Amino acid sequence: MPTTAELTEEYIMKHPSIKDCLVKGIINFSSLSRIIAKELSVDKKTSKEAILMAVIRLKDKIKKEKTNEEEIINLMKNNELEFKTKVFTIIAEKTALHKIIDIEQEIRKSGDPIYIIEGTKSFTLISSVKHYTKLHSLLKNYIIKENKNLVLVIIKSDRDIEKIKGVMSTFCTALYENDINIIDTMSCWTDTIFLIEEEDLQKMMKALSF
């Protein structure tokens, strides 16, 4: 059975924001200990004291870890953003994938965006609304779900993105903190792509201003 100290460390490591505050020394140990005790349903005074000691020891332990926040911020400052409005998605059964091979090539030649993400049992098709009618007609008997009025946001970073830990976490946290729902996401080396609702575009621009 895990000890109180082990449970405390496990709790903190599962909450990156708390861990980050510990690293920076900007968290009240007693308050945090009370929160953890409540979450773990700890009532005994000795156990609560053990939680407090575990928090202090863990703080000293993780403080030695190198934080890469500065590297991430420097990377973000050099990002370029590209937006494509009037985008939709169709999620369809994977058995219908062959039906869009020809039109996929046609759309690519036109210069309009088209992305296909394959899953185990379905695929997501992302494209410009001008091609919606034709694609919907081809897939109508296989459609699971669709979303309209979306914006495709492409974040273009330099190649250092593959060496810096926590970049995707930072992107997602920034969107979450600005109340932006991620409809879908994907990446290709230095390009990180998010699909969001059109009404969230202004918030997205603010969220990614570093």
C-alpha atoms as a PDB file:
ATOM      1  CA  MET A   1       0.000   0.000   0.000  1.00  0.00           C
ATOM      2  CA  PRO A   2       1.442   3.416  -0.943  1.00  0.00           C
ATOM      3  CA  THR A   3       2.620   5.671   1.860  1.00  0.00           C
ATOM      4  CA  THR A   4       1.188   9.123   2.483  1.00  0.00           C
ATOM      5  CA  ALA A   5       4.371  10.644   1.013  1.00  0.00           C
ATOM      6  CA  GLU A   6       4.054   8.536  -2.129  1.00  0.00           C
ATOM      7  CA  LEU A   7       0.398   9.462  -2.560  1.00  0.00           C
ATOM      8  CA  THR A   8       1.274  13.138  -2.100  1.00  0.00           C
ATOM      9  CA  GLU A   9       3.998  13.001  -4.730  1.00  0.00           C
ATOM     10  CA  GLU A  10       1.710  11.137  -7.112  1.00  0.00           C
ATOM     11  CA  TYR A  11      -0.986  13.798  -6.650  1.00  0.00           C
ATOM     12  CA  ILE A  12       1.399  16.665  -7.368  1.00  0.00           C
ATOM     13  CA  MET A  13       2.976  14.981 -10.387  1.00  0.00           C
ATOM     14  CA  LYS A  14      -0.502  14.514 -11.878  1.00  0.00           C
ATOM     15  CA  HIS A  15      -1.126  18.275 -11.593  1.00  0.00           C
ATOM     16  CA  PRO A  16       1.491  20.068 -13.755  1.00  0.00           C
ATOM     17  CA  SER A  17       0.313  23.537 -12.696  1.00  0.00           C
ATOM     18  CA  ILE A  18       0.931  22.702  -9.027  1.00  0.00           C
ATOM     19  CA  LYS A  19       4.309  21.183  -9.836  1.00  0.00           C
ATOM     20  CA  ASP A  20       5.280  24.301 -11.783  1.00  0.00           C
ATOM     21  CA  CYS A  21       4.332  26.542  -8.842  1.00  0.00           C
ATOM     22  CA  LEU A  22       6.438  24.386  -6.542  1.00  0.00           C
ATOM     23  CA  VAL A  23       9.429  24.726  -8.861  1.00  0.00           C
ATOM     24  CA  LYS A  24       9.019  28.507  -8.861  1.00  0.00           C
ATOM     25  CA  GLY A  25       8.414  28.693  -5.116  1.00  0.00           C
ATOM     26  CA  ILE A  26       5.126  30.563  -5.446  1.00  0.00           C
ATOM     27  CA  ILE A  27       2.799  28.227  -3.585  1.00  0.00           C
ATOM     28  CA  ASN A  28       1.767  28.056   0.073  1.00  0.00           C
ATOM     29  CA  PHE A  29       2.771  24.649   1.400  1.00  0.00           C
ATOM     30  CA  SER A  30       0.168  24.564   4.178  1.00  0.00           C
ATOM     31  CA  SER A  31      -2.679  25.472   1.828  1.00  0.00           C
ATOM     32  CA  LEU A  32      -1.555  22.904  -0.699  1.00  0.00           C
ATOM     33  CA  SER A  33      -1.260  20.270   2.030  1.00  0.00           C
ATOM     34  CA  ARG A  34      -4.830  20.948   3.148  1.00  0.00           C
ATOM     35  CA  ILE A  35      -6.090  20.600  -0.415  1.00  0.00           C
ATOM     36  CA  ILE A  36      -4.241  17.313  -0.891  1.00  0.00           C
ATOM     37  CA  ALA A  37      -5.485  15.995   2.469  1.00  0.00           C
ATOM     38  CA  LYS A  38      -9.057  16.779   1.424  1.00  0.00           C
ATOM     39  CA  GLU A  39      -8.618  15.188  -2.011  1.00  0.00           C
ATOM     40  CA  LEU A  40      -7.076  12.067  -0.460  1.00  0.00           C
ATOM     41  CA  SER A  41      -9.687  11.982   2.342  1.00  0.00           C
ATOM     42  CA  VAL A  42      -6.992  12.202   5.010  1.00  0.00           C
ATOM     43  CA  ASP A  43      -8.262  13.027   8.517  1.00  0.00           C
ATOM     44  CA  LYS A  44      -5.478  12.006  10.890  1.00  0.00           C
ATOM     45  CA  LYS A  45      -3.287  14.842  12.142  1.00  0.00           C
ATOM     46  CA  THR A  46      -0.127  12.748  11.737  1.00  0.00           C
ATOM     47  CA  SER A  47      -1.027  11.981   8.125  1.00  0.00           C
ATOM     48  CA  LYS A  48      -1.697  15.656   7.406  1.00  0.00           C
ATOM     49  CA  GLU A  49       1.732  16.487   8.835  1.00  0.00           C
ATOM     50  CA  ALA A  50       3.230  13.766   6.653  1.00  0.00           C
ATOM     51  CA  ILE A  51       1.644  15.397   3.607  1.00  0.00           C
ATOM     52  CA  LEU A  52       3.160  18.751   4.524  1.00  0.00           C
ATOM     53  CA  MET A  53       6.638  17.206   4.928  1.00  0.00           C
ATOM     54  CA  ALA A  54       6.244  15.339   1.633  1.00  0.00           C
ATOM     55  CA  VAL A  55       5.340  18.598  -0.154  1.00  0.00           C
ATOM     56  CA  ILE A  56       8.437  20.334   1.237  1.00  0.00           C
ATOM     57  CA  ARG A  57      10.736  17.440   0.311  1.00  0.00           C
ATOM     58  CA  LEU A  58       9.259  17.190  -3.179  1.00  0.00           C
ATOM     59  CA  LYS A  59       9.734  20.921  -3.688  1.00  0.00           C
ATOM     60  CA  ASP A  60      13.455  20.567  -2.990  1.00  0.00           C
ATOM     61  CA  LYS A  61      13.607  17.550  -5.293  1.00  0.00           C
ATOM     62  CA  ILE A  62      11.896  19.047  -8.335  1.00  0.00           C
ATOM     63  CA  LYS A  63      13.499  22.473  -7.895  1.00  0.00           C
ATOM     64  CA  LYS A  64      16.666  20.868  -9.209  1.00  0.00           C
ATOM     65  CA  GLU A  65      14.889  19.965 -12.427  1.00  0.00           C
ATOM     66  CA  LYS A  66      15.540  22.308 -15.314  1.00  0.00           C
ATOM     67  CA  THR A  67      12.470  24.267 -16.391  1.00  0.00           C
ATOM     68  CA  ASN A  68      12.257  25.058 -20.082  1.00  0.00           C
ATOM     69  CA  GLU A  69       9.660  27.807 -19.836  1.00  0.00           C
ATOM     70  CA  GLU A  70      12.045  30.408 -21.240  1.00  0.00           C
ATOM     71  CA  GLU A  71      12.843  28.207 -24.238  1.00  0.00           C
ATOM     72  CA  ILE A  72       9.146  27.705 -24.934  1.00  0.00           C
ATOM     73  CA  ILE A  73       8.369  31.439 -24.708  1.00  0.00           C
ATOM     74  CA  ASN A  74      11.257  32.304 -27.043  1.00  0.00           C
ATOM     75  CA  LEU A  75       9.953  29.731 -29.508  1.00  0.00           C
ATOM     76  CA  MET A  76       6.425  31.142 -29.261  1.00  0.00           C
ATOM     77  CA  LYS A  77       7.619  34.672 -29.939  1.00  0.00           C
ATOM     78  CA  ASN A  78       8.993  33.560 -33.301  1.00  0.00           C
ATOM     79  CA  ASN A  79       5.894  31.629 -34.346  1.00  0.00           C
ATOM     80  CA  GLU A  80       3.973  32.604 -37.454  1.00  0.00           C
ATOM     81  CA  LEU A  81       0.195  32.164 -37.548  1.00  0.00           C
ATOM     82  CA  GLU A  82      -1.896  31.345 -40.588  1.00  0.00           C
ATOM     83  CA  PHE A  83      -5.692  31.232 -40.528  1.00  0.00           C
ATOM     84  CA  LYS A  84      -8.086  29.615 -42.969  1.00  0.00           C
ATOM     85  CA  THR A  85     -11.750  30.441 -42.363  1.00  0.00           C
ATOM     86  CA  LYS A  86     -14.900  28.763 -43.739  1.00  0.00           C
ATOM     87  CA  VAL A  87     -13.653  25.269 -42.961  1.00  0.00           C
ATOM     88  CA  PHE A  88     -15.694  22.189 -42.105  1.00  0.00           C
ATOM     89  CA  THR A  89     -15.045  18.636 -40.943  1.00  0.00           C
ATOM     90  CA  ILE A  90     -16.752  15.364 -41.725  1.00  0.00           C
ATOM     91  CA  ILE A  91     -16.129  12.288 -39.616  1.00  0.00           C
ATOM     92  CA  ALA A  92     -16.996   9.189 -41.635  1.00  0.00           C
ATOM     93  CA  GLU A  93     -16.656   5.426 -41.506  1.00  0.00           C
ATOM     94  CA  LYS A  94     -13.249   4.285 -42.695  1.00  0.00           C
ATOM     95  CA  THR A  95     -14.793   1.983 -45.304  1.00  0.00           C
ATOM     96  CA  ALA A  96     -15.725   5.098 -47.302  1.00  0.00           C
ATOM     97  CA  LEU A  97     -12.185   6.419 -47.587  1.00  0.00           C
ATOM     98  CA  HIS A  98     -11.754   5.188 -51.158  1.00  0.00           C
ATOM     99  CA  LYS A  99     -14.702   7.319 -52.286  1.00  0.00           C
ATOM    100  CA  ILE A 100     -12.811  10.594 -51.925  1.00  0.00           C
ATOM    101  CA  ILE A 101      -9.513   9.703 -53.614  1.00  0.00           C
ATOM    102  CA  ASP A 102     -10.311  11.479 -56.883  1.00  0.00           C
ATOM    103  CA  ILE A 103     -11.846  14.609 -55.342  1.00  0.00           C
ATOM    104  CA  GLU A 104      -8.968  14.835 -52.887  1.00  0.00           C
ATOM    105  CA  GLN A 105      -6.552  15.274 -55.787  1.00  0.00           C
ATOM    106  CA  GLU A 106      -8.891  17.778 -57.416  1.00  0.00           C
ATOM    107  CA  ILE A 107      -9.050  19.907 -54.250  1.00  0.00           C
ATOM    108  CA  ARG A 108      -5.287  19.788 -53.786  1.00  0.00           C
ATOM    109  CA  LYS A 109      -4.756  21.007 -57.358  1.00  0.00           C
ATOM    110  CA  SER A 110      -7.106  23.935 -56.679  1.00  0.00           C
ATOM    111  CA  GLY A 111      -4.892  25.049 -53.793  1.00  0.00           C
ATOM    112  CA  ASP A 112      -7.654  24.701 -51.215  1.00  0.00           C
ATOM    113  CA  PRO A 113      -6.917  22.941 -47.925  1.00  0.00           C
ATOM    114  CA  ILE A 114      -7.809  19.291 -47.468  1.00  0.00           C
ATOM    115  CA  TYR A 115      -6.607  17.094 -44.643  1.00  0.00           C
ATOM    116  CA  ILE A 116      -7.471  13.488 -43.928  1.00  0.00           C
ATOM    117  CA  ILE A 117      -6.799  11.980 -40.519  1.00  0.00           C
ATOM    118  CA  GLU A 118      -7.226   8.217 -40.364  1.00  0.00           C
ATOM    119  CA  GLY A 119      -8.308   6.455 -37.201  1.00  0.00           C
ATOM    120  CA  THR A 120      -8.858   2.769 -36.546  1.00  0.00           C
ATOM    121  CA  LYS A 121     -12.532   2.758 -37.530  1.00  0.00           C
ATOM    122  CA  SER A 122     -13.163   6.213 -38.973  1.00  0.00           C
ATOM    123  CA  PHE A 123     -11.469   9.155 -40.642  1.00  0.00           C
ATOM    124  CA  THR A 124     -11.796  12.915 -40.325  1.00  0.00           C
ATOM    125  CA  LEU A 125     -11.939  15.003 -43.472  1.00  0.00           C
ATOM    126  CA  ILE A 126     -11.118  18.711 -43.212  1.00  0.00           C
ATOM    127  CA  SER A 127     -11.621  21.069 -46.131  1.00  0.00           C
ATOM    128  CA  SER A 128     -12.984  24.371 -47.387  1.00  0.00           C
ATOM    129  CA  VAL A 129     -16.740  24.896 -47.247  1.00  0.00           C
ATOM    130  CA  LYS A 130     -16.832  25.421 -51.020  1.00  0.00           C
ATOM    131  CA  HIS A 131     -16.295  21.664 -51.406  1.00  0.00           C
ATOM    132  CA  TYR A 132     -18.815  20.664 -48.750  1.00  0.00           C
ATOM    133  CA  THR A 133     -21.734  19.772 -51.021  1.00  0.00           C
ATOM    134  CA  LYS A 134     -19.720  17.441 -53.229  1.00  0.00           C
ATOM    135  CA  LEU A 135     -17.929  15.727 -50.350  1.00  0.00           C
ATOM    136  CA  HIS A 136     -21.111  15.398 -48.313  1.00  0.00           C
ATOM    137  CA  SER A 137     -22.847  13.801 -51.287  1.00  0.00           C
ATOM    138  CA  LEU A 138     -20.074  11.230 -51.675  1.00  0.00           C
ATOM    139  CA  LEU A 139     -20.012  10.334 -48.001  1.00  0.00           C
ATOM    140  CA  LYS A 140     -23.652  10.855 -46.982  1.00  0.00           C
ATOM    141  CA  ASN A 141     -24.323   7.201 -46.146  1.00  0.00           C
ATOM    142  CA  TYR A 142     -21.171   6.901 -44.043  1.00  0.00           C
ATOM    143  CA  ILE A 143     -21.148  10.160 -42.083  1.00  0.00           C
ATOM    144  CA  ILE A 144     -20.868   9.861 -38.307  1.00  0.00           C
ATOM    145  CA  LYS A 145     -20.602  13.534 -37.450  1.00  0.00           C
ATOM    146  CA  GLU A 146     -19.812  16.881 -39.053  1.00  0.00           C
ATOM    147  CA  ASN A 147     -18.836  20.372 -37.914  1.00  0.00           C
ATOM    148  CA  LYS A 148     -19.196  23.652 -39.806  1.00  0.00           C
ATOM    149  CA  ASN A 149     -18.152  27.282 -39.287  1.00  0.00           C
ATOM    150  CA  LEU A 150     -14.618  26.364 -38.264  1.00  0.00           C
ATOM    151  CA  VAL A 151     -11.227  28.030 -38.567  1.00  0.00           C
ATOM    152  CA  LEU A 152      -8.034  26.178 -39.389  1.00  0.00           C
ATOM    153  CA  VAL A 153      -5.168  27.687 -37.390  1.00  0.00           C
ATOM    154  CA  ILE A 154      -1.645  26.788 -38.470  1.00  0.00           C
ATOM    155  CA  ILE A 155       1.134  27.654 -36.023  1.00  0.00           C
ATOM    156  CA  LYS A 156       4.457  27.694 -37.841  1.00  0.00           C
ATOM    157  CA  SER A 157       7.434  27.241 -35.530  1.00  0.00           C
ATOM    158  CA  ASP A 158      11.134  26.856 -36.199  1.00  0.00           C
ATOM    159  CA  ARG A 159      12.716  23.408 -36.121  1.00  0.00           C
ATOM    160  CA  ASP A 160      13.692  23.719 -32.442  1.00  0.00           C
ATOM    161  CA  ILE A 161      10.122  22.743 -31.601  1.00  0.00           C
ATOM    162  CA  GLU A 162      11.067  19.071 -31.828  1.00  0.00           C
ATOM    163  CA  LYS A 163      13.725  19.514 -29.118  1.00  0.00           C
ATOM    164  CA  ILE A 164      11.719  21.490 -26.544  1.00  0.00           C
ATOM    165  CA  LYS A 165       9.501  19.602 -24.127  1.00  0.00           C
ATOM    166  CA  GLY A 166       6.090  20.984 -23.231  1.00  0.00           C
ATOM    167  CA  VAL A 167       5.303  23.016 -26.355  1.00  0.00           C
ATOM    168  CA  MET A 168       2.038  21.235 -27.153  1.00  0.00           C
ATOM    169  CA  SER A 169       1.062  21.395 -23.484  1.00  0.00           C
ATOM    170  CA  THR A 170       1.671  25.162 -23.556  1.00  0.00           C
ATOM    171  CA  PHE A 171      -0.472  25.570 -26.688  1.00  0.00           C
ATOM    172  CA  CYS A 172      -3.359  23.587 -25.200  1.00  0.00           C
ATOM    173  CA  THR A 173      -3.116  25.333 -21.833  1.00  0.00           C
ATOM    174  CA  ALA A 174      -3.212  28.755 -23.520  1.00  0.00           C
ATOM    175  CA  LEU A 175      -6.373  27.781 -25.396  1.00  0.00           C
ATOM    176  CA  TYR A 176      -7.992  26.285 -22.303  1.00  0.00           C
ATOM    177  CA  GLU A 177      -7.280  29.367 -20.210  1.00  0.00           C
ATOM    178  CA  ASN A 178      -8.903  31.536 -22.885  1.00  0.00           C
ATOM    179  CA  ASP A 179     -12.018  29.338 -23.025  1.00  0.00           C
ATOM    180  CA  ILE A 180     -11.286  28.030 -26.523  1.00  0.00           C
ATOM    181  CA  ASN A 181     -12.519  24.569 -27.447  1.00  0.00           C
ATOM    182  CA  ILE A 182     -10.254  22.482 -29.678  1.00  0.00           C
ATOM    183  CA  ILE A 183     -12.366  20.701 -32.279  1.00  0.00           C
ATOM    184  CA  ASP A 184      -9.373  18.795 -33.632  1.00  0.00           C
ATOM    185  CA  THR A 185      -5.602  19.033 -33.790  1.00  0.00           C
ATOM    186  CA  MET A 186      -2.712  17.581 -35.771  1.00  0.00           C
ATOM    187  CA  SER A 187       0.885  18.384 -36.553  1.00  0.00           C
ATOM    188  CA  CYS A 188       3.529  17.999 -39.222  1.00  0.00           C
ATOM    189  CA  TRP A 189       7.051  18.713 -37.970  1.00  0.00           C
ATOM    190  CA  THR A 190       7.163  22.495 -37.507  1.00  0.00           C
ATOM    191  CA  ASP A 191       3.448  23.045 -38.217  1.00  0.00           C
ATOM    192  CA  THR A 192       0.959  22.622 -35.391  1.00  0.00           C
ATOM    193  CA  ILE A 193      -2.643  22.750 -36.562  1.00  0.00           C
ATOM    194  CA  PHE A 194      -5.786  23.432 -34.546  1.00  0.00           C
ATOM    195  CA  LEU A 195      -9.407  23.481 -35.609  1.00  0.00           C
ATOM    196  CA  ILE A 196     -11.536  25.890 -33.614  1.00  0.00           C
ATOM    197  CA  GLU A 197     -14.941  27.533 -33.963  1.00  0.00           C
ATOM    198  CA  GLU A 198     -15.042  30.811 -35.913  1.00  0.00           C
ATOM    199  CA  GLU A 199     -16.376  32.702 -32.894  1.00  0.00           C
ATOM    200  CA  ASP A 200     -13.157  31.847 -31.005  1.00  0.00           C
ATOM    201  CA  LEU A 201     -10.762  33.308 -33.588  1.00  0.00           C
ATOM    202  CA  GLN A 202     -10.161  36.608 -31.781  1.00  0.00           C
ATOM    203  CA  LYS A 203      -9.580  34.778 -28.502  1.00  0.00           C
ATOM    204  CA  MET A 204      -7.160  32.462 -30.300  1.00  0.00           C
ATOM    205  CA  MET A 205      -5.072  35.375 -31.548  1.00  0.00           C
ATOM    206  CA  LYS A 206      -4.924  36.769 -28.017  1.00  0.00           C
ATOM    207  CA  ALA A 207      -4.073  33.371 -26.521  1.00  0.00           C
ATOM    208  CA  LEU A 208      -1.111  32.884 -28.832  1.00  0.00           C
ATOM    209  CA  SER A 209       0.365  36.374 -28.369  1.00  0.00           C
ATOM    210  CA  PHE A 210       3.619  35.820 -26.480  1.00  0.00           C
END
